[in-house]
Amino acid sequence: MNKQYSYPLDLSWSTEELASVLSFFNDVETAYEGKVEAKRLLESYKKFKVVVPSKSEEKRLGREFEIASGYSFYRAVQLAKEQEEGKISLGK
């Protein structure tokens, strides 16, 4: 996968908001490139949703992130919700 992509970010976000969004992006990447605790991913998703409460904005960011990285927010969060416990991996 091309690691030279950039994250879809909103420069109006505060430093704390950027940290929350980046933490979620990193957890999604980890789910694809290795394994991540389902609870950790769901917790970072919850913090991401505080920054991005709009479903349409979440979908837009998700599409941009998936185009750039090949990784899906939706699939990662769905798997974490299904499993709830332990580590999840979407790697091939």
PDB file of N, CA and C in Angstrom:
ATOM      1  N   MET A   1       0.846  -1.190   0.000  1.00  0.00           N
ATOM      2  CA  MET A   1       0.000   0.000   0.000  1.00  0.00           C
ATOM      3  C   MET A   1       0.884   1.243   0.000  1.00  0.00           C
ATOM      4  N   ASN A   2       0.429   2.262  -0.675  1.00  0.00           N
ATOM      5  CA  ASN A   2       1.179   3.516  -0.759  1.00  0.00           C
ATOM      6  C   ASN A   2       1.114   4.264   0.564  1.00  0.00           C
ATOM      7  N   LYS A   3       2.237   4.363   1.249  1.00  0.00           N
ATOM      8  CA  LYS A   3       2.278   5.046   2.550  1.00  0.00           C
ATOM      9  C   LYS A   3       2.529   6.541   2.387  1.00  0.00           C
ATOM     10  N   GLN A   4       2.531   7.050   1.158  1.00  0.00           N
ATOM     11  CA  GLN A   4       2.798   8.460   0.903  1.00  0.00           C
ATOM     12  C   GLN A   4       1.510   9.259   0.721  1.00  0.00           C
ATOM     13  N   TYR A   5       0.431   8.827   1.326  1.00  0.00           N
ATOM     14  CA  TYR A   5      -0.823   9.557   1.207  1.00  0.00           C
ATOM     15  C   TYR A   5      -0.967  10.528   2.376  1.00  0.00           C
ATOM     16  N   SER A   6      -1.881  11.476   2.234  1.00  0.00           N
ATOM     17  CA  SER A   6      -2.129  12.401   3.329  1.00  0.00           C
ATOM     18  C   SER A   6      -3.560  12.219   3.819  1.00  0.00           C
ATOM     19  N   TYR A   7      -3.726  12.470   5.081  1.00  0.00           N
ATOM     20  CA  TYR A   7      -5.037  12.325   5.712  1.00  0.00           C
ATOM     21  C   TYR A   7      -5.958  13.468   5.312  1.00  0.00           C
ATOM     22  N   PRO A   8      -7.257  13.173   5.177  1.00  0.00           N
ATOM     23  CA  PRO A   8      -8.217  14.256   4.948  1.00  0.00           C
ATOM     24  C   PRO A   8      -8.499  14.948   6.286  1.00  0.00           C
ATOM     25  N   LEU A   9      -7.965  16.137   6.460  1.00  0.00           N
ATOM     26  CA  LEU A   9      -8.110  16.866   7.726  1.00  0.00           C
ATOM     27  C   LEU A   9      -8.742  18.219   7.483  1.00  0.00           C
ATOM     28  N   ASP A  10      -9.368  18.744   8.512  1.00  0.00           N
ATOM     29  CA  ASP A  10      -9.946  20.078   8.484  1.00  0.00           C
ATOM     30  C   ASP A  10      -9.042  20.960   9.337  1.00  0.00           C
ATOM     31  N   LEU A  11      -8.420  21.952   8.721  1.00  0.00           N
ATOM     32  CA  LEU A  11      -7.458  22.787   9.437  1.00  0.00           C
ATOM     33  C   LEU A  11      -8.105  23.705  10.476  1.00  0.00           C
ATOM     34  N   SER A  12      -9.435  23.732  10.510  1.00  0.00           N
ATOM     35  CA  SER A  12     -10.112  24.530  11.545  1.00  0.00           C
ATOM     36  C   SER A  12     -10.238  23.758  12.862  1.00  0.00           C
ATOM     37  N   TRP A  13      -9.924  22.456  12.843  1.00  0.00           N
ATOM     38  CA  TRP A  13      -9.983  21.668  14.067  1.00  0.00           C
ATOM     39  C   TRP A  13      -8.893  22.111  15.027  1.00  0.00           C
ATOM     40  N   SER A  14      -9.189  22.030  16.315  1.00  0.00           N
ATOM     41  CA  SER A  14      -8.195  22.340  17.339  1.00  0.00           C
ATOM     42  C   SER A  14      -7.147  21.228  17.379  1.00  0.00           C
ATOM     43  N   THR A  15      -6.071  21.475  18.094  1.00  0.00           N
ATOM     44  CA  THR A  15      -5.018  20.470  18.237  1.00  0.00           C
ATOM     45  C   THR A  15      -5.574  19.198  18.862  1.00  0.00           C
ATOM     46  N   GLU A  16      -6.426  19.344  19.864  1.00  0.00           N
ATOM     47  CA  GLU A  16      -7.033  18.181  20.523  1.00  0.00           C
ATOM     48  C   GLU A  16      -7.944  17.415  19.562  1.00  0.00           C
ATOM     49  N   GLU A  17      -8.715  18.152  18.762  1.00  0.00           N
ATOM     50  CA  GLU A  17      -9.592  17.506  17.789  1.00  0.00           C
ATOM     51  C   GLU A  17      -8.767  16.771  16.725  1.00  0.00           C
ATOM     52  N   LEU A  18      -7.694  17.412  16.248  1.00  0.00           N
ATOM     53  CA  LEU A  18      -6.817  16.752  15.279  1.00  0.00           C
ATOM     54  C   LEU A  18      -6.236  15.473  15.861  1.00  0.00           C
ATOM     55  N   ALA A  19      -5.829  15.521  17.131  1.00  0.00           N
ATOM     56  CA  ALA A  19      -5.265  14.336  17.787  1.00  0.00           C
ATOM     57  C   ALA A  19      -6.296  13.213  17.839  1.00  0.00           C
ATOM     58  N   SER A  20      -7.551  13.539  18.137  1.00  0.00           N
ATOM     59  CA  SER A  20      -8.613  12.523  18.187  1.00  0.00           C
ATOM     60  C   SER A  20      -8.846  11.893  16.826  1.00  0.00           C
ATOM     61  N   VAL A  21      -8.902  12.713  15.790  1.00  0.00           N
ATOM     62  CA  VAL A  21      -9.139  12.216  14.434  1.00  0.00           C
ATOM     63  C   VAL A  21      -7.953  11.368  13.971  1.00  0.00           C
ATOM     64  N   LEU A  22      -6.738  11.853  14.212  1.00  0.00           N
ATOM     65  CA  LEU A  22      -5.544  11.102  13.804  1.00  0.00           C
ATOM     66  C   LEU A  22      -5.437   9.774  14.541  1.00  0.00           C
ATOM     67  N   SER A  23      -5.839   9.753  15.797  1.00  0.00           N
ATOM     68  CA  SER A  23      -5.817   8.504  16.564  1.00  0.00           C
ATOM     69  C   SER A  23      -6.756   7.481  15.925  1.00  0.00           C
ATOM     70  N   PHE A  24      -7.937   7.917  15.512  1.00  0.00           N
ATOM     71  CA  PHE A  24      -8.879   7.024  14.843  1.00  0.00           C
ATOM     72  C   PHE A  24      -8.308   6.532  13.511  1.00  0.00           C
ATOM     73  N   PHE A  25      -7.767   7.452  12.702  1.00  0.00           N
ATOM     74  CA  PHE A  25      -7.165   7.056  11.429  1.00  0.00           C
ATOM     75  C   PHE A  25      -6.070   6.018  11.659  1.00  0.00           C
ATOM     76  N   ASN A  26      -5.232   6.248  12.658  1.00  0.00           N
ATOM     77  CA  ASN A  26      -4.140   5.310  12.966  1.00  0.00           C
ATOM     78  C   ASN A  26      -4.665   3.950  13.386  1.00  0.00           C
ATOM     79  N   ASP A  27      -5.745   3.935  14.178  1.00  0.00           N
ATOM     80  CA  ASP A  27      -6.330   2.665  14.600  1.00  0.00           C
ATOM     81  C   ASP A  27      -6.913   1.900  13.417  1.00  0.00           C
ATOM     82  N   VAL A  28      -7.530   2.603  12.476  1.00  0.00           N
ATOM     83  CA  VAL A  28      -8.047   1.960  11.262  1.00  0.00           C
ATOM     84  C   VAL A  28      -6.880   1.370  10.471  1.00  0.00           C
ATOM     85  N   GLU A  29      -5.814   2.130  10.314  1.00  0.00           N
ATOM     86  CA  GLU A  29      -4.629   1.612   9.618  1.00  0.00           C
ATOM     87  C   GLU A  29      -4.087   0.362  10.303  1.00  0.00           C
ATOM     88  N   THR A  30      -4.016   0.399  11.625  1.00  0.00           N
ATOM     89  CA  THR A  30      -3.498  -0.742  12.382  1.00  0.00           C
ATOM     90  C   THR A  30      -4.370  -1.970  12.173  1.00  0.00           C
ATOM     91  N   ALA A  31      -5.679  -1.779  12.063  1.00  0.00           N
ATOM     92  CA  ALA A  31      -6.591  -2.905  11.831  1.00  0.00           C
ATOM     93  C   ALA A  31      -6.302  -3.576  10.490  1.00  0.00           C
ATOM     94  N   TYR A  32      -5.835  -2.818   9.522  1.00  0.00           N
ATOM     95  CA  TYR A  32      -5.516  -3.371   8.211  1.00  0.00           C
ATOM     96  C   TYR A  32      -4.088  -3.893   8.117  1.00  0.00           C
ATOM     97  N   GLU A  33      -3.175  -3.251   8.810  1.00  0.00           N
ATOM     98  CA  GLU A  33      -1.756  -3.592   8.681  1.00  0.00           C
ATOM     99  C   GLU A  33      -1.284  -4.572   9.752  1.00  0.00           C
ATOM    100  N   GLY A  34      -2.118  -4.813  10.744  1.00  0.00           N
ATOM    101  CA  GLY A  34      -1.764  -5.726  11.833  1.00  0.00           C
ATOM    102  C   GLY A  34      -3.029  -6.091  12.577  1.00  0.00           C
ATOM    103  N   LYS A  35      -3.017  -5.847  13.862  1.00  0.00           N
ATOM    104  CA  LYS A  35      -4.201  -6.100  14.697  1.00  0.00           C
ATOM    105  C   LYS A  35      -4.362  -4.942  15.660  1.00  0.00           C
ATOM    106  N   VAL A  36      -5.627  -4.648  15.991  1.00  0.00           N
ATOM    107  CA  VAL A  36      -5.941  -3.594  16.950  1.00  0.00           C
ATOM    108  C   VAL A  36      -7.041  -4.120  17.869  1.00  0.00           C
ATOM    109  N   GLU A  37      -7.003  -3.714  19.118  1.00  0.00           N
ATOM    110  CA  GLU A  37      -8.061  -4.079  20.063  1.00  0.00           C
ATOM    111  C   GLU A  37      -9.378  -3.467  19.591  1.00  0.00           C
ATOM    112  N   ALA A  38     -10.424  -4.276  19.541  1.00  0.00           N
ATOM    113  CA  ALA A  38     -11.739  -3.795  19.108  1.00  0.00           C
ATOM    114  C   ALA A  38     -12.202  -2.630  19.987  1.00  0.00           C
ATOM    115  N   LYS A  39     -12.017  -2.767  21.301  1.00  0.00           N
ATOM    116  CA  LYS A  39     -12.439  -1.695  22.212  1.00  0.00           C
ATOM    117  C   LYS A  39     -11.689  -0.399  21.948  1.00  0.00           C
ATOM    118  N   ARG A  40     -10.410  -0.506  21.648  1.00  0.00           N
ATOM    119  CA  ARG A  40      -9.602   0.692  21.352  1.00  0.00           C
ATOM    120  C   ARG A  40     -10.128   1.395  20.107  1.00  0.00           C
ATOM    121  N   LEU A  41     -10.408   0.620  19.053  1.00  0.00           N
ATOM    122  CA  LEU A  41     -10.929   1.204  17.820  1.00  0.00           C
ATOM    123  C   LEU A  41     -12.283   1.875  18.073  1.00  0.00           C
ATOM    124  N   LEU A  42     -13.139   1.220  18.820  1.00  0.00           N
ATOM    125  CA  LEU A  42     -14.464   1.801  19.104  1.00  0.00           C
ATOM    126  C   LEU A  42     -14.349   3.058  19.954  1.00  0.00           C
ATOM    127  N   GLU A  43     -13.399   3.080  20.879  1.00  0.00           N
ATOM    128  CA  GLU A  43     -13.189   4.264  21.717  1.00  0.00           C
ATOM    129  C   GLU A  43     -12.654   5.426  20.869  1.00  0.00           C
ATOM    130  N   SER A  44     -11.711   5.144  19.984  1.00  0.00           N
ATOM    131  CA  SER A  44     -11.188   6.225  19.140  1.00  0.00           C
ATOM    132  C   SER A  44     -12.260   6.686  18.147  1.00  0.00           C
ATOM    133  N   TYR A  45     -13.136   5.765  17.716  1.00  0.00           N
ATOM    134  CA  TYR A  45     -14.244   6.151  16.834  1.00  0.00           C
ATOM    135  C   TYR A  45     -15.207   7.080  17.579  1.00  0.00           C
ATOM    136  N   LYS A  46     -15.468   6.781  18.837  1.00  0.00           N
ATOM    137  CA  LYS A  46     -16.356   7.623  19.654  1.00  0.00           C
ATOM    138  C   LYS A  46     -15.796   9.044  19.757  1.00  0.00           C
ATOM    139  N   LYS A  47     -14.488   9.161  19.955  1.00  0.00           N
ATOM    140  CA  LYS A  47     -13.849  10.487  20.035  1.00  0.00           C
ATOM    141  C   LYS A  47     -13.867  11.179  18.676  1.00  0.00           C
ATOM    142  N   PHE A  48     -13.684  10.407  17.613  1.00  0.00           N
ATOM    143  CA  PHE A  48     -13.770  10.938  16.250  1.00  0.00           C
ATOM    144  C   PHE A  48     -15.161  11.519  16.013  1.00  0.00           C
ATOM    145  N   LYS A  49     -16.201  10.825  16.476  1.00  0.00           N
ATOM    146  CA  LYS A  49     -17.587  11.277  16.268  1.00  0.00           C
ATOM    147  C   LYS A  49     -17.902  12.556  17.049  1.00  0.00           C
ATOM    148  N   VAL A  50     -17.177  12.825  18.125  1.00  0.00           N
ATOM    149  CA  VAL A  50     -17.346  14.095  18.845  1.00  0.00           C
ATOM    150  C   VAL A  50     -16.870  15.240  17.955  1.00  0.00           C
ATOM    151  N   VAL A  51     -15.774  15.000  17.236  1.00  0.00           N
ATOM    152  CA  VAL A  51     -15.212  16.014  16.345  1.00  0.00           C
ATOM    153  C   VAL A  51     -16.015  16.104  15.051  1.00  0.00           C
ATOM    154  N   VAL A  52     -16.476  14.965  14.543  1.00  0.00           N
ATOM    155  CA  VAL A  52     -17.202  14.882  13.269  1.00  0.00           C
ATOM    156  C   VAL A  52     -18.567  14.239  13.520  1.00  0.00           C
ATOM    157  N   PRO A  53     -19.514  15.000  14.115  1.00  0.00           N
ATOM    158  CA  PRO A  53     -20.820  14.401  14.438  1.00  0.00           C
ATOM    159  C   PRO A  53     -21.715  14.164  13.219  1.00  0.00           C
ATOM    160  N   SER A  54     -21.480  14.889  12.138  1.00  0.00           N
ATOM    161  CA  SER A  54     -22.311  14.783  10.945  1.00  0.00           C
ATOM    162  C   SER A  54     -22.007  13.494  10.179  1.00  0.00           C
ATOM    163  N   LYS A  55     -23.051  12.712   9.895  1.00  0.00           N
ATOM    164  CA  LYS A  55     -22.886  11.463   9.154  1.00  0.00           C
ATOM    165  C   LYS A  55     -22.352  11.744   7.747  1.00  0.00           C
ATOM    166  N   SER A  56     -22.836  12.818   7.120  1.00  0.00           N
ATOM    167  CA  SER A  56     -22.374  13.122   5.762  1.00  0.00           C
ATOM    168  C   SER A  56     -20.892  13.517   5.764  1.00  0.00           C
ATOM    169  N   GLU A  57     -20.461  14.252   6.774  1.00  0.00           N
ATOM    170  CA  GLU A  57     -19.051  14.622   6.873  1.00  0.00           C
ATOM    171  C   GLU A  57     -18.193  13.391   7.155  1.00  0.00           C
ATOM    172  N   GLU A  58     -18.697  12.489   8.003  1.00  0.00           N
ATOM    173  CA  GLU A  58     -17.986  11.240   8.274  1.00  0.00           C
ATOM    174  C   GLU A  58     -17.821  10.438   6.979  1.00  0.00           C
ATOM    175  N   LYS A  59     -18.895  10.346   6.206  1.00  0.00           N
ATOM    176  CA  LYS A  59     -18.829   9.595   4.943  1.00  0.00           C
ATOM    177  C   LYS A  59     -17.852  10.234   3.961  1.00  0.00           C
ATOM    178  N   ARG A  60     -17.849  11.563   3.889  1.00  0.00           N
ATOM    179  CA  ARG A  60     -16.926  12.260   2.994  1.00  0.00           C
ATOM    180  C   ARG A  60     -15.473  11.984   3.399  1.00  0.00           C
ATOM    181  N   LEU A  61     -15.185  12.128   4.691  1.00  0.00           N
ATOM    182  CA  LEU A  61     -13.831  11.858   5.182  1.00  0.00           C
ATOM    183  C   LEU A  61     -13.456  10.392   4.957  1.00  0.00           C
ATOM    184  N   GLY A  62     -14.419   9.501   5.190  1.00  0.00           N
ATOM    185  CA  GLY A  62     -14.179   8.074   4.986  1.00  0.00           C
ATOM    186  C   GLY A  62     -13.842   7.747   3.546  1.00  0.00           C
ATOM    187  N   ARG A  63     -14.582   8.371   2.607  1.00  0.00           N
ATOM    188  CA  ARG A  63     -14.307   8.159   1.181  1.00  0.00           C
ATOM    189  C   ARG A  63     -12.921   8.670   0.813  1.00  0.00           C
ATOM    190  N   GLU A  64     -12.590   9.879   1.288  1.00  0.00           N
ATOM    191  CA  GLU A  64     -11.280  10.458   0.982  1.00  0.00           C
ATOM    192  C   GLU A  64     -10.159   9.595   1.568  1.00  0.00           C
ATOM    193  N   PHE A  65     -10.355   9.118   2.795  1.00  0.00           N
ATOM    194  CA  PHE A  65      -9.352   8.282   3.446  1.00  0.00           C
ATOM    195  C   PHE A  65      -9.194   6.960   2.696  1.00  0.00           C
ATOM    196  N   GLU A  66     -10.320   6.369   2.281  1.00  0.00           N
ATOM    197  CA  GLU A  66     -10.260   5.084   1.578  1.00  0.00           C
ATOM    198  C   GLU A  66      -9.614   5.231   0.201  1.00  0.00           C
ATOM    199  N   ILE A  67      -9.903   6.314  -0.503  1.00  0.00           N
ATOM    200  CA  ILE A  67      -9.277   6.551  -1.804  1.00  0.00           C
ATOM    201  C   ILE A  67      -7.765   6.691  -1.633  1.00  0.00           C
ATOM    202  N   ALA A  68      -7.351   7.415  -0.602  1.00  0.00           N
ATOM    203  CA  ALA A  68      -5.924   7.658  -0.376  1.00  0.00           C
ATOM    204  C   ALA A  68      -5.189   6.425   0.137  1.00  0.00           C
ATOM    205  N   SER A  69      -5.825   5.687   1.047  1.00  0.00           N
ATOM    206  CA  SER A  69      -5.117   4.604   1.743  1.00  0.00           C
ATOM    207  C   SER A  69      -5.548   3.201   1.330  1.00  0.00           C
ATOM    208  N   GLY A  70      -6.787   3.069   0.847  1.00  0.00           N
ATOM    209  CA  GLY A  70      -7.332   1.749   0.564  1.00  0.00           C
ATOM    210  C   GLY A  70      -8.006   1.118   1.764  1.00  0.00           C
ATOM    211  N   TYR A  71      -8.086   1.856   2.880  1.00  0.00           N
ATOM    212  CA  TYR A  71      -8.656   1.344   4.125  1.00  0.00           C
ATOM    213  C   TYR A  71     -10.020   1.971   4.392  1.00  0.00           C
ATOM    214  N   SER A  72     -10.971   1.146   4.819  1.00  0.00           N
ATOM    215  CA  SER A  72     -12.349   1.586   5.036  1.00  0.00           C
ATOM    216  C   SER A  72     -12.665   1.788   6.516  1.00  0.00           C
ATOM    217  N   PHE A  73     -13.090   3.018   6.871  1.00  0.00           N
ATOM    218  CA  PHE A  73     -13.577   3.294   8.235  1.00  0.00           C
ATOM    219  C   PHE A  73     -14.713   2.330   8.555  1.00  0.00           C
ATOM    220  N   TYR A  74     -15.660   2.276   7.605  1.00  0.00           N
ATOM    221  CA  TYR A  74     -16.891   1.524   7.823  1.00  0.00           C
ATOM    222  C   TYR A  74     -16.607   0.062   8.158  1.00  0.00           C
ATOM    223  N   ARG A  75     -15.792  -0.594   7.343  1.00  0.00           N
ATOM    224  CA  ARG A  75     -15.500  -2.012   7.577  1.00  0.00           C
ATOM    225  C   ARG A  75     -14.799  -2.230   8.909  1.00  0.00           C
ATOM    226  N   ALA A  76     -13.871  -1.343   9.240  1.00  0.00           N
ATOM    227  CA  ALA A  76     -13.132  -1.489  10.493  1.00  0.00           C
ATOM    228  C   ALA A  76     -14.060  -1.325  11.698  1.00  0.00           C
ATOM    229  N   VAL A  77     -14.911  -0.315  11.664  1.00  0.00           N
ATOM    230  CA  VAL A  77     -15.826  -0.070  12.788  1.00  0.00           C
ATOM    231  C   VAL A  77     -16.864  -1.185  12.883  1.00  0.00           C
ATOM    232  N   GLN A  78     -17.376  -1.645  11.741  1.00  0.00           N
ATOM    233  CA  GLN A  78     -18.365  -2.739  11.765  1.00  0.00           C
ATOM    234  C   GLN A  78     -17.775  -4.002  12.381  1.00  0.00           C
ATOM    235  N   LEU A  79     -16.556  -4.357  11.998  1.00  0.00           N
ATOM    236  CA  LEU A  79     -15.922  -5.551  12.550  1.00  0.00           C
ATOM    237  C   LEU A  79     -15.691  -5.388  14.056  1.00  0.00           C
ATOM    238  N   ALA A  80     -15.260  -4.215  14.473  1.00  0.00           N
ATOM    239  CA  ALA A  80     -15.044  -3.964  15.898  1.00  0.00           C
ATOM    240  C   ALA A  80     -16.359  -4.075  16.671  1.00  0.00           C
ATOM    241  N   LYS A  81     -17.445  -3.563  16.105  1.00  0.00           N
ATOM    242  CA  LYS A  81     -18.759  -3.656  16.763  1.00  0.00           C
ATOM    243  C   LYS A  81     -19.225  -5.107  16.846  1.00  0.00           C
ATOM    244  N   GLU A  82     -18.970  -5.887  15.798  1.00  0.00           N
ATOM    245  CA  GLU A  82     -19.365  -7.296  15.793  1.00  0.00           C
ATOM    246  C   GLU A  82     -18.605  -8.083  16.855  1.00  0.00           C
ATOM    247  N   GLN A  83     -17.306  -7.852  16.943  1.00  0.00           N
ATOM    248  CA  GLN A  83     -16.462  -8.638  17.843  1.00  0.00           C
ATOM    249  C   GLN A  83     -16.486  -8.118  19.277  1.00  0.00           C
ATOM    250  N   GLU A  84     -16.482  -6.822  19.449  1.00  0.00           N
ATOM    251  CA  GLU A  84     -16.495  -6.138  20.748  1.00  0.00           C
ATOM    252  C   GLU A  84     -15.296  -6.445  21.629  1.00  0.00           C
ATOM    253  N   GLU A  85     -14.798  -7.657  21.612  1.00  0.00           N
ATOM    254  CA  GLU A  85     -13.679  -8.074  22.483  1.00  0.00           C
ATOM    255  C   GLU A  85     -12.517  -8.556  21.636  1.00  0.00           C
ATOM    256  N   GLY A  86     -11.332  -8.496  22.203  1.00  0.00           N
ATOM    257  CA  GLY A  86     -10.158  -9.031  21.548  1.00  0.00           C
ATOM    258  C   GLY A  86      -9.658  -8.158  20.416  1.00  0.00           C
ATOM    259  N   LYS A  87      -8.750  -8.713  19.641  1.00  0.00           N
ATOM    260  CA  LYS A  87      -8.132  -7.974  18.545  1.00  0.00           C
ATOM    261  C   LYS A  87      -8.837  -8.290  17.231  1.00  0.00           C
ATOM    262  N   ILE A  88      -8.868  -7.260  16.374  1.00  0.00           N
ATOM    263  CA  ILE A  88      -9.433  -7.441  15.048  1.00  0.00           C
ATOM    264  C   ILE A  88      -8.351  -7.159  14.015  1.00  0.00           C
ATOM    265  N   SER A  89      -8.528  -7.768  12.844  1.00  0.00           N
ATOM    266  CA  SER A  89      -7.614  -7.545  11.738  1.00  0.00           C
ATOM    267  C   SER A  89      -8.371  -7.644  10.428  1.00  0.00           C
ATOM    268  N   LEU A  90      -8.139  -6.700   9.567  1.00  0.00           N
ATOM    269  CA  LEU A  90      -8.734  -6.707   8.228  1.00  0.00           C
ATOM    270  C   LEU A  90      -7.674  -6.943   7.175  1.00  0.00           C
ATOM    271  N   GLY A  91      -6.462  -7.243   7.595  1.00  0.00           N
ATOM    272  CA  GLY A  91      -5.374  -7.493   6.673  1.00  0.00           C
ATOM    273  C   GLY A  91      -5.637  -8.747   5.860  1.00  0.00           C
ATOM    274  N   LYS A  92      -5.014  -8.786   4.711  1.00  0.00           N
ATOM    275  CA  LYS A  92      -5.247  -9.922   3.813  1.00  0.00           C
ATOM    276  C   LYS A  92      -4.236 -11.015   4.031  1.00  0.00           C
TER     277      LYS A  92
END
